[in-house]
C-alpha atoms as a PDB file:
ATOM      1  CA  MET A   1     -90.667  57.199  87.055  1.00  0.00           C
ATOM      2  CA  PRO A   2     -88.021  59.487  88.647  1.00  0.00           C
ATOM      3  CA  HIS A   3     -86.038  60.079  85.428  1.00  0.00           C
ATOM      4  CA  GLN A   4     -89.217  60.997  83.525  1.00  0.00           C
ATOM      5  CA  ASN A   5     -90.208  63.489  86.220  1.00  0.00           C
ATOM      6  CA  LEU A   6     -86.712  64.970  86.008  1.00  0.00           C
ATOM      7  CA  ASN A   7     -86.950  65.381  82.218  1.00  0.00           C
ATOM      8  CA  HIS A   8     -90.406  66.947  82.639  1.00  0.00           C
ATOM      9  CA  LYS A   9     -89.107  69.507  85.142  1.00  0.00           C
ATOM     10  CA  LYS A  10     -86.057  70.309  83.040  1.00  0.00           C
ATOM     11  CA  THR A  11     -88.146  71.012  79.962  1.00  0.00           C
ATOM     12  CA  CYS A  12     -90.681  73.063  81.929  1.00  0.00           C
ATOM     13  CA  ARG A  13     -87.821  75.090  83.355  1.00  0.00           C
ATOM     14  CA  LYS A  14     -86.357  75.730  79.896  1.00  0.00           C
ATOM     15  CA  ILE A  15     -89.695  77.022  78.596  1.00  0.00           C
ATOM     16  CA  TYR A  16     -90.136  79.070  81.774  1.00  0.00           C
ATOM     17  CA  GLN A  17     -86.714  80.653  81.237  1.00  0.00           C
ATOM     18  CA  LYS A  18     -87.491  81.249  77.560  1.00  0.00           C
ATOM     19  CA  PHE A  19     -90.483  83.399  78.534  1.00  0.00           C
ATOM     20  CA  PHE A  20     -88.252  85.724  80.488  1.00  0.00           C
ATOM     21  CA  THR A  21     -85.483  85.771  77.882  1.00  0.00           C
ATOM     22  CA  SER A  22     -88.014  86.780  75.224  1.00  0.00           C
ATOM     23  CA  CYS A  23     -89.865  89.262  77.426  1.00  0.00           C
ATOM     24  CA  ARG A  24     -86.699  91.080  78.468  1.00  0.00           C
ATOM     25  CA  ARG A  25     -86.601  92.397  74.898  1.00  0.00           C
ATOM     26  CA  LEU A  26     -89.937  94.190  75.281  1.00  0.00           C
ATOM     27  CA  PRO A  27     -89.524  97.992  74.997  1.00  0.00           C
ATOM     28  CA  ILE A  28     -91.770  99.282  77.797  1.00  0.00           C
ATOM     29  CA  CYS A  29     -92.902  96.272  79.864  1.00  0.00           C
ATOM     30  CA  ASN A  30     -91.215  93.847  82.177  1.00  0.00           C
ATOM     31  CA  ILE A  31     -92.809  90.433  82.802  1.00  0.00           C
ATOM     32  CA  ARG A  32     -91.786  88.537  85.910  1.00  0.00           C
ATOM     33  CA  SER A  33     -92.912  85.821  88.281  1.00  0.00           C
ATOM     34  CA  PHE A  34     -95.287  86.368  91.188  1.00  0.00           C
ATOM     35  CA  GLU A  35     -93.709  87.319  94.509  1.00  0.00           C
ATOM     36  CA  GLU A  36     -95.019  87.789  98.040  1.00  0.00           C
ATOM     37  CA  ARG A  37     -94.968  91.575  97.619  1.00  0.00           C
ATOM     38  CA  ASP A  38     -97.525  91.368  94.796  1.00  0.00           C
ATOM     39  CA  LEU A  39    -100.442  90.240  96.961  1.00  0.00           C
ATOM     40  CA  GLU A  40    -101.796  93.714  97.746  1.00  0.00           C
ATOM     41  CA  ASP A  41    -101.509  94.850  94.116  1.00  0.00           C
ATOM     42  CA  LEU A  42    -103.305  91.690  93.020  1.00  0.00           C
ATOM     43  CA  LYS A  43    -106.105  92.330  95.527  1.00  0.00           C
ATOM     44  CA  LYS A  44    -106.496  95.861  94.181  1.00  0.00           C
ATOM     45  CA  LEU A  45    -106.584  94.637  90.578  1.00  0.00           C
ATOM     46  CA  GLN A  46    -109.060  91.801  91.161  1.00  0.00           C
ATOM     47  CA  GLY A  47    -111.183  94.011  93.406  1.00  0.00           C
ATOM     48  CA  ASP A  48    -111.560  96.808  90.861  1.00  0.00           C
ATOM     49  CA  LYS A  49    -115.079  96.947  89.366  1.00  0.00           C
ATOM     50  CA  ALA A  50    -113.853  98.566  86.159  1.00  0.00           C
ATOM     51  CA  VAL A  51    -111.359  95.739  85.591  1.00  0.00           C
ATOM     52  CA  MET A  52    -113.616  92.869  86.594  1.00  0.00           C
ATOM     53  CA  GLN A  53    -116.817  93.973  84.837  1.00  0.00           C
ATOM     54  CA  PHE A  54    -115.714  92.078  81.721  1.00  0.00           C
ATOM     55  CA  VAL A  55    -114.093  89.122  83.540  1.00  0.00           C
ATOM     56  CA  GLY A  56    -115.932  85.969  84.578  1.00  0.00           C
ATOM     57  CA  THR A  57    -119.327  86.832  86.026  1.00  0.00           C
ATOM     58  CA  GLY A  58    -118.427  90.523  86.206  1.00  0.00           C
ATOM     59  CA  GLU A  59    -118.033  90.429  89.990  1.00  0.00           C
ATOM     60  CA  VAL A  60    -114.988  91.534  91.933  1.00  0.00           C
ATOM     61  CA  ARG A  61    -113.010  88.890  93.814  1.00  0.00           C
ATOM     62  CA  ASP A  62    -112.769  89.114  97.566  1.00  0.00           C
ATOM     63  CA  ALA A  63    -109.492  89.126  99.489  1.00  0.00           C
ATOM     64  CA  ALA A  64    -109.740  85.471 100.535  1.00  0.00           C
ATOM     65  CA  ARG A  65    -110.163  84.273  96.965  1.00  0.00           C
ATOM     66  CA  VAL A  66    -107.295  86.449  95.733  1.00  0.00           C
ATOM     67  CA  GLU A  67    -105.043  85.102  98.491  1.00  0.00           C
ATOM     68  CA  ILE A  68    -105.713  81.542  97.299  1.00  0.00           C
ATOM     69  CA  MET A  69    -105.020  82.589  93.700  1.00  0.00           C
ATOM     70  CA  HIS A  70    -101.782  84.267  94.751  1.00  0.00           C
ATOM     71  CA  LYS A  71    -100.663  81.200  96.695  1.00  0.00           C
ATOM     72  CA  ASN A  72    -101.351  78.900  93.734  1.00  0.00           C
ATOM     73  CA  LEU A  73     -99.516  81.183  91.315  1.00  0.00           C
ATOM     74  CA  MET A  74     -96.532  81.317  93.646  1.00  0.00           C
ATOM     75  CA  GLN A  75     -96.422  77.514  93.695  1.00  0.00           C
ATOM     76  CA  LEU A  76     -96.501  77.335  89.905  1.00  0.00           C
ATOM     77  CA  TRP A  77     -93.387  79.472  89.785  1.00  0.00           C
ATOM     78  CA  LYS A  78     -91.642  77.276  92.343  1.00  0.00           C
ATOM     79  CA  ASP A  79     -92.371  74.349  90.014  1.00  0.00           C
ATOM     80  CA  PHE A  80     -91.052  76.319  86.985  1.00  0.00           C
ATOM     81  CA  ASN A  81     -94.416  75.856  85.284  1.00  0.00           C
ATOM     82  CA  PRO A  82     -94.839  78.270  82.328  1.00  0.00           C
ATOM     83  CA  ILE A  83     -98.609  77.758  82.325  1.00  0.00           C
ATOM     84  CA  GLY A  84     -99.955  80.245  84.851  1.00  0.00           C
ATOM     85  CA  GLY A  85     -99.878  83.956  85.684  1.00  0.00           C
ATOM     86  CA  TYR A  86     -97.272  86.655  85.174  1.00  0.00           C
ATOM     87  CA  ILE A  87     -96.821  90.071  86.761  1.00  0.00           C
ATOM     88  CA  VAL A  88     -96.542  92.957  84.289  1.00  0.00           C
ATOM     89  CA  CYS A  89     -94.550  96.024  85.377  1.00  0.00           C
ATOM     90  CA  ASP A  90     -93.349  99.217  83.773  1.00  0.00           C
ATOM     91  CA  LYS A  91     -89.795  98.556  82.626  1.00  0.00           C
ATOM     92  CA  ALA A  92     -88.480 101.985  83.618  1.00  0.00           C
ATOM     93  CA  THR A  93     -90.157 102.416  87.013  1.00  0.00           C
ATOM     94  CA  GLY A  94     -91.024  98.868  88.127  1.00  0.00           C
ATOM     95  CA  LYS A  95     -94.588 100.022  88.787  1.00  0.00           C
ATOM     96  CA  PHE A  96     -97.236  97.278  88.870  1.00  0.00           C
ATOM     97  CA  LEU A  97     -99.406  97.497  85.754  1.00  0.00           C
ATOM     98  CA  GLY A  98    -101.419  94.289  85.873  1.00  0.00           C
ATOM     99  CA  MET A  99    -101.082  90.603  85.123  1.00  0.00           C
ATOM    100  CA  ALA A 100    -101.072  88.239  82.176  1.00  0.00           C
ATOM    101  CA  ALA A 101    -102.025  84.571  82.171  1.00  0.00           C
ATOM    102  CA  LEU A 102    -101.652  81.547  79.945  1.00  0.00           C
ATOM    103  CA  GLU A 103    -104.086  78.829  81.029  1.00  0.00           C
ATOM    104  CA  PRO A 104    -105.536  75.525  79.806  1.00  0.00           C
ATOM    105  CA  VAL A 105    -108.943  75.606  78.112  1.00  0.00           C
ATOM    106  CA  PHE A 106    -111.737  73.522  79.630  1.00  0.00           C
ATOM    107  CA  ASP A 107    -114.750  72.004  77.885  1.00  0.00           C
ATOM    108  CA  GLN A 108    -118.290  71.843  79.272  1.00  0.00           C
ATOM    109  CA  ASP A 109    -117.373  68.756  81.319  1.00  0.00           C
ATOM    110  CA  GLN A 110    -114.428  70.637  82.877  1.00  0.00           C
ATOM    111  CA  LYS A 111    -111.934  68.498  80.985  1.00  0.00           C
ATOM    112  CA  ILE A 112    -108.834  70.073  79.470  1.00  0.00           C
ATOM    113  CA  LYS A 113    -108.972  70.555  75.710  1.00  0.00           C
ATOM    114  CA  PRO A 114    -105.819  68.994  74.209  1.00  0.00           C
ATOM    115  CA  GLY A 115    -103.415  71.408  72.547  1.00  0.00           C
ATOM    116  CA  GLU A 116    -105.235  74.626  73.509  1.00  0.00           C
ATOM    117  CA  ALA A 117    -104.380  77.474  75.876  1.00  0.00           C
ATOM    118  CA  GLU A 118    -106.161  80.716  76.700  1.00  0.00           C
ATOM    119  CA  ILE A 119    -104.321  84.010  76.935  1.00  0.00           C
ATOM    120  CA  MET A 120    -105.713  86.600  79.357  1.00  0.00           C
ATOM    121  CA  LEU A 121    -104.586  90.130  80.193  1.00  0.00           C
ATOM    122  CA  TYR A 122    -105.672  92.301  83.135  1.00  0.00           C
ATOM    123  CA  PHE A 123    -104.434  95.878  83.532  1.00  0.00           C
ATOM    124  CA  GLN A 124    -105.295  98.576  86.011  1.00  0.00           C
ATOM    125  CA  PRO A 125    -107.651 101.144  84.391  1.00  0.00           C
ATOM    126  CA  GLU A 126    -105.114 103.974  84.426  1.00  0.00           C
ATOM    127  CA  PHE A 127    -102.935 101.971  82.050  1.00  0.00           C
ATOM    128  CA  TRP A 128    -105.595 101.097  79.489  1.00  0.00           C
ATOM    129  CA  GLY A 129    -105.014 102.281  75.923  1.00  0.00           C
ATOM    130  CA  GLN A 130    -101.242 102.653  76.354  1.00  0.00           C
ATOM    131  CA  LYS A 131    -100.231  99.625  74.234  1.00  0.00           C
ATOM    132  CA  TYR A 132     -99.130  97.514  77.207  1.00  0.00           C
ATOM    133  CA  GLY A 133    -101.551  94.741  76.234  1.00  0.00           C
ATOM    134  CA  LYS A 134    -100.312  94.658  72.630  1.00  0.00           C
ATOM    135  CA  GLU A 135     -96.705  94.426  73.762  1.00  0.00           C
ATOM    136  CA  VAL A 136     -97.315  91.662  76.304  1.00  0.00           C
ATOM    137  CA  GLY A 137     -99.487  89.647  73.915  1.00  0.00           C
ATOM    138  CA  GLN A 138     -96.847  89.893  71.197  1.00  0.00           C
ATOM    139  CA  GLY A 139     -94.213  88.906  73.746  1.00  0.00           C
ATOM    140  CA  PHE A 140     -96.114  85.696  74.515  1.00  0.00           C
ATOM    141  CA  LEU A 141     -96.377  84.846  70.816  1.00  0.00           C
ATOM    142  CA  ASN A 142     -92.672  85.524  70.251  1.00  0.00           C
ATOM    143  CA  CYS A 143     -91.781  83.296  73.187  1.00  0.00           C
ATOM    144  CA  LEU A 144     -93.862  80.385  71.929  1.00  0.00           C
ATOM    145  CA  LEU A 145     -92.238  80.673  68.502  1.00  0.00           C
ATOM    146  CA  ALA A 146     -88.726  80.846  69.982  1.00  0.00           C
ATOM    147  CA  SER A 147     -89.436  77.807  72.178  1.00  0.00           C
ATOM    148  CA  HIS A 148     -90.744  75.851  69.184  1.00  0.00           C
ATOM    149  CA  GLN A 149     -87.656  76.738  67.133  1.00  0.00           C
ATOM    150  CA  GLU A 150     -85.477  75.283  69.877  1.00  0.00           C
ATOM    151  CA  GLY A 151     -87.518  72.098  70.092  1.00  0.00           C
ATOM    152  CA  LEU A 152     -89.179  72.981  73.401  1.00  0.00           C
ATOM    153  CA  LYS A 153     -92.680  71.705  72.750  1.00  0.00           C
ATOM    154  CA  MET A 154     -95.245  72.765  75.297  1.00  0.00           C
ATOM    155  CA  THR A 155     -98.023  70.168  75.520  1.00  0.00           C
ATOM    156  CA  ILE A 156    -101.427  70.569  77.107  1.00  0.00           C
ATOM    157  CA  GLY A 157    -103.923  67.795  77.677  1.00  0.00           C
ATOM    158  CA  GLY A 158    -101.552  65.273  76.105  1.00  0.00           C
ATOM    159  CA  ALA A 159    -101.150  67.160  72.807  1.00  0.00           C
ATOM    160  CA  PRO A 160     -98.654  69.783  71.574  1.00  0.00           C
ATOM    161  CA  LEU A 161     -99.868  73.362  71.978  1.00  0.00           C
ATOM    162  CA  THR A 162    -101.167  74.423  68.541  1.00  0.00           C
ATOM    163  CA  LYS A 163    -103.959  76.875  69.324  1.00  0.00           C
ATOM    164  CA  LEU A 164    -104.337  79.969  71.466  1.00  0.00           C
ATOM    165  CA  VAL A 165    -107.818  81.195  72.294  1.00  0.00           C
ATOM    166  CA  ALA A 166    -109.194  84.342  73.852  1.00  0.00           C
ATOM    167  CA  THR A 167    -112.622  85.667  74.732  1.00  0.00           C
ATOM    168  CA  ALA A 168    -114.027  89.159  75.027  1.00  0.00           C
ATOM    169  CA  HIS A 169    -117.236  90.651  76.402  1.00  0.00           C
ATOM    170  CA  PRO A 170    -119.235  92.120  73.478  1.00  0.00           C
ATOM    171  CA  ASP A 171    -119.077  95.563  75.114  1.00  0.00           C
ATOM    172  CA  ASN A 172    -115.311  95.447  75.655  1.00  0.00           C
ATOM    173  CA  ALA A 173    -114.206  97.256  72.484  1.00  0.00           C
ATOM    174  CA  GLY A 174    -110.612  97.565  73.681  1.00  0.00           C
ATOM    175  CA  SER A 175    -110.210  93.828  74.196  1.00  0.00           C
ATOM    176  CA  ILE A 176    -111.796  93.033  70.830  1.00  0.00           C
ATOM    177  CA  ALA A 177    -109.440  95.450  69.061  1.00  0.00           C
ATOM    178  CA  LEU A 178    -106.443  93.994  70.919  1.00  0.00           C
ATOM    179  CA  GLN A 179    -107.192  90.399  69.903  1.00  0.00           C
ATOM    180  CA  LYS A 180    -107.513  91.405  66.265  1.00  0.00           C
ATOM    181  CA  SER A 181    -104.298  93.458  66.365  1.00  0.00           C
ATOM    182  CA  LEU A 182    -102.411  90.398  67.642  1.00  0.00           C
ATOM    183  CA  GLY A 183    -103.662  88.296  64.737  1.00  0.00           C
ATOM    184  CA  PHE A 184    -106.429  86.403  66.518  1.00  0.00           C
ATOM    185  CA  LYS A 185    -109.341  85.511  64.246  1.00  0.00           C
ATOM    186  CA  GLN A 186    -112.840  86.290  65.497  1.00  0.00           C
ATOM    187  CA  GLN A 187    -115.048  83.220  65.728  1.00  0.00           C
ATOM    188  CA  ASP A 188    -118.524  82.971  67.258  1.00  0.00           C
ATOM    189  CA  THR A 189    -120.473  84.805  69.921  1.00  0.00           C
ATOM    190  CA  ILE A 190    -121.432  82.175  72.484  1.00  0.00           C
ATOM    191  CA  MET A 191    -122.911  81.682  75.924  1.00  0.00           C
ATOM    192  CA  MET A 192    -120.346  80.457  78.460  1.00  0.00           C
ATOM    193  CA  ARG A 193    -120.844  79.230  81.998  1.00  0.00           C
ATOM    194  CA  LYS A 194    -118.793  81.174  84.535  1.00  0.00           C
ATOM    195  CA  GLY A 195    -119.382  79.926  88.040  1.00  0.00           C
ATOM    196  CA  ASP A 196    -123.148  79.686  88.472  1.00  0.00           C
ATOM    197  CA  LYS A 197    -123.959  82.141  85.671  1.00  0.00           C
ATOM    198  CA  GLU A 198    -124.041  82.152  81.890  1.00  0.00           C
ATOM    199  CA  VAL A 199    -122.327  85.055  80.153  1.00  0.00           C
ATOM    200  CA  THR A 200    -122.000  86.178  76.540  1.00  0.00           C
ATOM    201  CA  ARG A 201    -118.525  86.134  75.005  1.00  0.00           C
ATOM    202  CA  ILE A 202    -116.983  86.670  71.582  1.00  0.00           C
ATOM    203  CA  THR A 203    -114.400  83.960  70.912  1.00  0.00           C
ATOM    204  CA  PHE A 204    -111.076  84.376  69.111  1.00  0.00           C
ATOM    205  CA  GLU A 205    -108.499  81.849  67.903  1.00  0.00           C
ATOM    206  CA  PHE A 206    -104.847  82.001  66.883  1.00  0.00           C
ATOM    207  CA  ASP A 207    -103.547  79.010  64.919  1.00  0.00           C
ATOM    208  CA  LEU A 208     -99.954  78.526  66.093  1.00  0.00           C
ATOM    209  CA  ARG A 209     -99.327  75.905  63.411  1.00  0.00           C
ATOM    210  CA  ALA A 210     -99.313  78.630  60.768  1.00  0.00           C
ATOM    211  CA  VAL A 211     -96.525  80.382  62.689  1.00  0.00           C
ATOM    212  CA  PHE A 212     -94.572  77.239  63.563  1.00  0.00           C
ATOM    213  CA  LEU A 213     -94.607  75.988  59.958  1.00  0.00           C
ATOM    214  CA  ALA A 214     -93.819  79.341  58.345  1.00  0.00           C
ATOM    215  CA  PRO A 215     -90.361  79.570  56.681  1.00  0.00           C
ATOM    216  CA  GLN A 216     -87.805  81.010  59.091  1.00  0.00           C
ATOM    217  CA  ASP A 217     -84.667  83.024  58.444  1.00  0.00           C
ATOM    218  CA  ASP A 218     -81.617  80.726  58.278  1.00  0.00           C
ATOM    219  CA  SER A 219     -79.854  82.924  60.821  1.00  0.00           C
ATOM    220  CA  LYS A 220     -82.469  82.090  63.448  1.00  0.00           C
ATOM    221  CA  PRO A 221     -82.265  79.043  65.746  1.00  0.00           C
ATOM    222  CA  THR A 222     -83.655  75.817  64.327  1.00  0.00           C
ATOM    223  CA  SER A 223     -85.507  73.080  66.152  1.00  0.00           C
ATOM    224  CA  ASN A 224     -83.485  70.622  68.168  1.00  0.00           C
ATOM    225  CA  PRO A 225     -84.868  67.180  67.279  1.00  0.00           C
ATOM    226  CA  SER A 226     -83.502  65.660  70.466  1.00  0.00           C
ATOM    227  CA  ALA A 227     -85.345  68.070  72.745  1.00  0.00           C
ATOM    228  CA  LYS A 228     -88.221  66.549  74.700  1.00  0.00           C
ATOM    229  CA  SER A 229     -91.783  67.797  74.880  1.00  0.00           C
ATOM    230  CA  THR A 230     -93.466  68.125  78.223  1.00  0.00           C
ATOM    231  CA  GLU A 231     -96.849  68.372  79.843  1.00  0.00           C
ATOM    232  CA  CYS A 232     -97.118  71.825  81.445  1.00  0.00           C
ATOM    233  CA  LEU A 233    -100.500  72.187  83.123  1.00  0.00           C
ATOM    234  CA  LEU A 234    -102.048  74.172  85.913  1.00  0.00           C
ATOM    235  CA  LYS A 235    -101.848  72.191  89.127  1.00  0.00           C
ATOM    236  CA  HIS A 236    -103.775  72.427  92.401  1.00  0.00           C
ATOM    237  CA  GLY A 237    -106.860  70.677  90.986  1.00  0.00           C
ATOM    238  CA  GLN A 238    -106.587  72.402  87.589  1.00  0.00           C
ATOM    239  CA  GLN A 239    -109.684  74.507  88.269  1.00  0.00           C
ATOM    240  CA  LYS A 240    -110.907  76.811  85.567  1.00  0.00           C
ATOM    241  CA  SER A 241    -110.697  80.503  86.439  1.00  0.00           C
ATOM    242  CA  ALA A 242    -114.039  82.268  86.667  1.00  0.00           C
END
C-alpha cells in the first residue's frame, strides 16, 4: 500500500539520519555515505591481500565485483537504507581509511535470521592499530541506542533488531581484541561456508536488549511510543557477502 511504503521510507530515513548525527560526534573519524569518487579507494581496499586474508575465503575481489558492490551500496543510500556500507574517513584530513558495514545475518539456507545484524569493519593496513575500529564500532552502538530511545525500531527479517554478531579469523588477533573491547561476548569457533569454501571463524554476540532495557538518565531522550518500526534490509537480491 502506498501509505505503508511512505511510512517505511520515512522511518528508514530517520534511522539513516540518526547514524550521521551520532557519528558526527566521533573524535577522529567521519562516517559518510558512499559516493562515486569512492570506487577507486574501494577497489584498492578490497584488492589488498593483507586486508582480505581474513575476509570471506581470503581472496581479493576483482574490479568487476567491487564495481557491482559499489553500485549496490550507492543504491542503498539513495533509498535511505541504514543497513549497508559506510565510508570511514579521517575527520581532520578527509582521507579514506576504510569502510564499515551493518548487514543482515543469513542461515545455512540463505534465509535472513530475524532480529540479527552483523557488523563488519575493513581498514587499510596503514591505519590498523590506531583505534579507528574501536571508535567506529562504538559509534554504531551509540547510534542504535539513540534510535531506540527515540522509538525508531530497526527490524530485520520481520523482528526488531536485538542482536549484533561478528566473526573473526582465529589468527586475526586485532579483530578478536576489538570485538571484546566493544563488549561482544565470544561464542563458539565454527566452520562457515563462504562461497564454495568452508572457513573457520570465531563468533561473537552483542545482546542489544541489555542496552535497550538498561536504566537511562532522565535528561536523555525517551522512546516515542507513536514512532513506527520499519523493515530495513539489504536489497538487490539480499545476497550474503562472501
